[in-house]
Amino acid sequence: MPSLAPDALIARHIEKLRARPDKERIAEVLMRAGLEMKNDVVTHDGRPATTNDCYAYKQSVREIYGDATYAFTKVNFVLGGCGCRDCMG
């Protein structure tokens, strides 16, 4: 499987969070990470998300949803080819 772009990794994970009963927390995760999602496109200050944004996104998931959700999130990103310091370390 080829590596996904950081914005695609985040968007794909947000789709998974939308299936949860507490999906209203997604907006808080994005806000804490400094990200926006419009029309299923994730941006940071109007530019596509970067690997640094992947790291910030996963840390926000950990803060909002807890360690168990974070662990599954990290696995999802690693499998998607994420190159952030969290996935590479």
N, C-alpha and C. Protein backbone atom coordinates (compact mmCIF):
# COMPACT_ATOMS: atom_id res chain seq x y z
N MET A 1 0.85 -1.19 0.00
CA MET A 1 0.00 0.00 0.00
C MET A 1 0.89 1.24 0.00
N PRO A 2 0.69 2.14 -0.94
CA PRO A 2 1.48 3.37 -0.96
C PRO A 2 1.13 4.27 0.22
N SER A 3 2.08 5.08 0.61
CA SER A 3 1.84 6.03 1.70
C SER A 3 0.82 7.07 1.28
N LEU A 4 -0.04 7.42 2.22
CA LEU A 4 -1.02 8.47 1.98
C LEU A 4 -0.43 9.81 2.40
N ALA A 5 -0.87 10.88 1.76
CA ALA A 5 -0.48 12.23 2.15
C ALA A 5 -1.04 12.53 3.54
N PRO A 6 -0.35 13.38 4.30
CA PRO A 6 -0.83 13.69 5.65
C PRO A 6 -2.29 14.12 5.71
N ASP A 7 -2.72 14.98 4.78
CA ASP A 7 -4.11 15.43 4.83
C ASP A 7 -5.06 14.27 4.57
N ALA A 8 -4.66 13.33 3.73
CA ALA A 8 -5.49 12.16 3.45
C ALA A 8 -5.55 11.22 4.66
N LEU A 9 -4.43 11.07 5.37
CA LEU A 9 -4.42 10.25 6.58
C LEU A 9 -5.39 10.80 7.62
N ILE A 10 -5.35 12.10 7.82
CA ILE A 10 -6.23 12.73 8.81
C ILE A 10 -7.68 12.61 8.37
N ALA A 11 -7.96 12.91 7.11
CA ALA A 11 -9.34 12.83 6.61
C ALA A 11 -9.88 11.42 6.74
N ARG A 12 -9.05 10.43 6.43
CA ARG A 12 -9.48 9.03 6.53
C ARG A 12 -9.81 8.69 7.98
N HIS A 13 -9.01 9.17 8.91
CA HIS A 13 -9.27 8.88 10.31
C HIS A 13 -10.52 9.59 10.80
N ILE A 14 -10.74 10.81 10.35
CA ILE A 14 -11.95 11.53 10.74
C ILE A 14 -13.19 10.77 10.30
N GLU A 15 -13.13 10.14 9.15
CA GLU A 15 -14.26 9.31 8.70
C GLU A 15 -14.55 8.21 9.71
N LYS A 16 -13.52 7.62 10.28
CA LYS A 16 -13.69 6.59 11.29
C LYS A 16 -14.32 7.18 12.55
N LEU A 17 -13.88 8.37 12.95
CA LEU A 17 -14.44 9.00 14.14
C LEU A 17 -15.91 9.37 13.93
N ARG A 18 -16.30 9.68 12.72
CA ARG A 18 -17.69 10.04 12.45
C ARG A 18 -18.66 8.89 12.72
N ALA A 19 -18.17 7.68 12.77
CA ALA A 19 -19.01 6.51 13.05
C ALA A 19 -19.24 6.32 14.55
N ARG A 20 -18.52 7.06 15.36
CA ARG A 20 -18.64 6.92 16.82
C ARG A 20 -19.81 7.72 17.35
N PRO A 21 -20.37 7.29 18.49
CA PRO A 21 -21.48 8.04 19.08
C PRO A 21 -21.07 9.42 19.60
N ASP A 22 -19.78 9.63 19.87
CA ASP A 22 -19.29 10.92 20.38
C ASP A 22 -18.59 11.72 19.29
N LYS A 23 -19.11 11.62 18.07
CA LYS A 23 -18.49 12.28 16.92
C LYS A 23 -18.47 13.79 17.01
N GLU A 24 -19.28 14.37 17.89
CA GLU A 24 -19.30 15.83 18.03
C GLU A 24 -17.98 16.35 18.56
N ARG A 25 -17.14 15.48 19.06
CA ARG A 25 -15.85 15.89 19.61
C ARG A 25 -14.80 16.10 18.51
N ILE A 26 -15.12 15.72 17.29
CA ILE A 26 -14.18 15.88 16.18
C ILE A 26 -13.78 17.35 16.00
N ALA A 27 -14.74 18.24 16.11
CA ALA A 27 -14.44 19.67 15.95
C ALA A 27 -13.41 20.14 16.97
N GLU A 28 -13.51 19.64 18.19
CA GLU A 28 -12.55 20.01 19.23
C GLU A 28 -11.16 19.45 18.92
N VAL A 29 -11.10 18.23 18.42
CA VAL A 29 -9.82 17.63 18.03
C VAL A 29 -9.16 18.49 16.96
N LEU A 30 -9.91 18.84 15.93
CA LEU A 30 -9.36 19.65 14.84
C LEU A 30 -8.90 21.01 15.34
N MET A 31 -9.71 21.64 16.18
CA MET A 31 -9.36 22.96 16.71
C MET A 31 -8.06 22.90 17.52
N ARG A 32 -7.93 21.91 18.39
CA ARG A 32 -6.72 21.79 19.20
C ARG A 32 -5.49 21.54 18.35
N ALA A 33 -5.67 20.86 17.22
CA ALA A 33 -4.55 20.57 16.33
C ALA A 33 -4.27 21.71 15.36
N GLY A 34 -5.12 22.74 15.37
CA GLY A 34 -4.93 23.87 14.45
C GLY A 34 -5.34 23.55 13.03
N LEU A 35 -6.27 22.61 12.87
CA LEU A 35 -6.68 22.15 11.55
C LEU A 35 -8.12 22.52 11.25
N GLU A 36 -8.43 22.54 9.97
CA GLU A 36 -9.80 22.74 9.50
C GLU A 36 -10.13 21.65 8.50
N MET A 37 -11.41 21.32 8.42
CA MET A 37 -11.85 20.35 7.41
C MET A 37 -13.06 20.93 6.71
N LYS A 38 -12.90 21.13 5.41
CA LYS A 38 -13.98 21.63 4.57
C LYS A 38 -14.08 20.73 3.36
N ASN A 39 -15.30 20.27 3.08
CA ASN A 39 -15.51 19.38 1.93
C ASN A 39 -14.56 18.19 1.95
N ASP A 40 -14.35 17.63 3.13
CA ASP A 40 -13.50 16.46 3.34
C ASP A 40 -12.03 16.70 3.01
N VAL A 41 -11.59 17.97 3.00
CA VAL A 41 -10.19 18.32 2.78
C VAL A 41 -9.66 18.96 4.07
N VAL A 42 -8.56 18.41 4.57
CA VAL A 42 -7.97 18.89 5.82
C VAL A 42 -6.85 19.88 5.49
N THR A 43 -6.91 21.04 6.14
CA THR A 43 -5.91 22.07 5.91
C THR A 43 -5.42 22.66 7.24
N HIS A 44 -4.28 23.31 7.16
CA HIS A 44 -3.72 24.08 8.27
C HIS A 44 -3.39 25.45 7.72
N ASP A 45 -4.09 26.45 8.18
CA ASP A 45 -3.91 27.81 7.68
C ASP A 45 -4.07 27.89 6.16
N GLY A 46 -5.02 27.12 5.63
CA GLY A 46 -5.31 27.16 4.20
C GLY A 46 -4.40 26.31 3.34
N ARG A 47 -3.42 25.66 3.94
CA ARG A 47 -2.50 24.80 3.19
C ARG A 47 -2.75 23.34 3.57
N PRO A 48 -2.40 22.41 2.70
CA PRO A 48 -2.57 20.99 3.05
C PRO A 48 -1.81 20.64 4.33
N ALA A 49 -2.37 19.73 5.08
CA ALA A 49 -1.74 19.28 6.32
C ALA A 49 -0.38 18.64 6.03
N THR A 50 0.51 18.71 7.01
CA THR A 50 1.86 18.16 6.90
C THR A 50 2.03 17.04 7.92
N THR A 51 3.22 16.43 7.93
CA THR A 51 3.47 15.39 8.94
C THR A 51 3.44 15.98 10.34
N ASN A 52 3.85 17.23 10.50
CA ASN A 52 3.74 17.87 11.82
C ASN A 52 2.28 17.97 12.25
N ASP A 53 1.40 18.20 11.29
CA ASP A 53 -0.03 18.26 11.61
C ASP A 53 -0.57 16.88 12.00
N CYS A 54 -0.03 15.83 11.39
CA CYS A 54 -0.42 14.47 11.78
C CYS A 54 -0.08 14.24 13.25
N TYR A 55 1.11 14.66 13.64
CA TYR A 55 1.51 14.52 15.04
C TYR A 55 0.56 15.30 15.95
N ALA A 56 0.30 16.55 15.61
CA ALA A 56 -0.60 17.38 16.43
C ALA A 56 -2.00 16.79 16.47
N TYR A 57 -2.47 16.26 15.35
CA TYR A 57 -3.80 15.64 15.30
C TYR A 57 -3.86 14.45 16.25
N LYS A 58 -2.86 13.57 16.20
CA LYS A 58 -2.88 12.39 17.06
C LYS A 58 -2.79 12.77 18.53
N GLN A 59 -2.02 13.80 18.85
CA GLN A 59 -1.96 14.25 20.24
C GLN A 59 -3.31 14.81 20.69
N SER A 60 -4.00 15.49 19.79
CA SER A 60 -5.34 16.00 20.11
C SER A 60 -6.32 14.86 20.32
N VAL A 61 -6.22 13.83 19.48
CA VAL A 61 -7.07 12.65 19.67
C VAL A 61 -6.82 12.06 21.05
N ARG A 62 -5.57 11.97 21.44
CA ARG A 62 -5.22 11.42 22.76
C ARG A 62 -5.84 12.26 23.87
N GLU A 63 -5.76 13.59 23.76
CA GLU A 63 -6.31 14.47 24.78
C GLU A 63 -7.83 14.38 24.87
N ILE A 64 -8.49 14.30 23.73
CA ILE A 64 -9.95 14.34 23.70
C ILE A 64 -10.58 12.96 23.90
N TYR A 65 -10.04 11.96 23.23
CA TYR A 65 -10.65 10.62 23.25
C TYR A 65 -9.96 9.63 24.18
N GLY A 66 -8.73 9.91 24.60
CA GLY A 66 -8.03 9.03 25.52
C GLY A 66 -7.01 8.13 24.85
N ASP A 67 -6.28 7.40 25.69
CA ASP A 67 -5.16 6.59 25.22
C ASP A 67 -5.58 5.42 24.33
N ALA A 68 -6.69 4.79 24.61
CA ALA A 68 -7.11 3.64 23.80
C ALA A 68 -7.40 4.06 22.37
N THR A 69 -8.14 5.14 22.20
CA THR A 69 -8.43 5.62 20.85
C THR A 69 -7.15 6.10 20.18
N TYR A 70 -6.29 6.76 20.94
CA TYR A 70 -5.01 7.21 20.39
C TYR A 70 -4.21 6.02 19.86
N ALA A 71 -4.15 4.92 20.60
CA ALA A 71 -3.38 3.75 20.18
C ALA A 71 -3.88 3.23 18.83
N PHE A 72 -5.19 3.13 18.67
CA PHE A 72 -5.74 2.68 17.39
C PHE A 72 -5.47 3.71 16.29
N THR A 73 -5.52 4.98 16.65
CA THR A 73 -5.24 6.05 15.68
C THR A 73 -3.80 5.94 15.19
N LYS A 74 -2.88 5.74 16.10
CA LYS A 74 -1.47 5.65 15.72
C LYS A 74 -1.25 4.46 14.78
N VAL A 75 -1.84 3.32 15.10
CA VAL A 75 -1.71 2.14 14.22
C VAL A 75 -2.24 2.46 12.84
N ASN A 76 -3.39 3.13 12.78
CA ASN A 76 -3.99 3.50 11.50
C ASN A 76 -3.04 4.38 10.70
N PHE A 77 -2.40 5.33 11.35
CA PHE A 77 -1.48 6.24 10.67
C PHE A 77 -0.20 5.51 10.23
N VAL A 78 0.33 4.65 11.10
CA VAL A 78 1.53 3.88 10.73
C VAL A 78 1.24 3.05 9.50
N LEU A 79 0.11 2.36 9.49
CA LEU A 79 -0.26 1.52 8.34
C LEU A 79 -0.47 2.35 7.08
N GLY A 80 -0.87 3.62 7.25
CA GLY A 80 -1.07 4.50 6.11
C GLY A 80 0.22 5.14 5.62
N GLY A 81 1.33 4.87 6.31
CA GLY A 81 2.62 5.40 5.87
C GLY A 81 2.99 6.75 6.45
N CYS A 82 2.41 7.10 7.60
CA CYS A 82 2.72 8.39 8.22
C CYS A 82 4.20 8.48 8.57
N GLY A 83 4.78 9.65 8.32
CA GLY A 83 6.19 9.87 8.60
C GLY A 83 6.45 10.83 9.73
N CYS A 84 5.45 11.07 10.59
CA CYS A 84 5.66 12.01 11.70
C CYS A 84 6.54 11.37 12.77
N ARG A 85 7.03 12.19 13.68
CA ARG A 85 7.95 11.71 14.71
C ARG A 85 7.29 10.69 15.64
N ASP A 86 5.98 10.74 15.77
CA ASP A 86 5.26 9.79 16.60
C ASP A 86 5.25 8.40 15.95
N CYS A 87 5.03 8.35 14.67
CA CYS A 87 4.95 7.07 13.96
C CYS A 87 6.32 6.50 13.64
N MET A 88 7.29 7.35 13.46
CA MET A 88 8.64 6.90 13.09
C MET A 88 9.48 6.54 14.32
N GLY A 89 9.06 7.03 15.49
CA GLY A 89 9.86 6.82 16.71
C GLY A 89 9.62 5.53 17.41
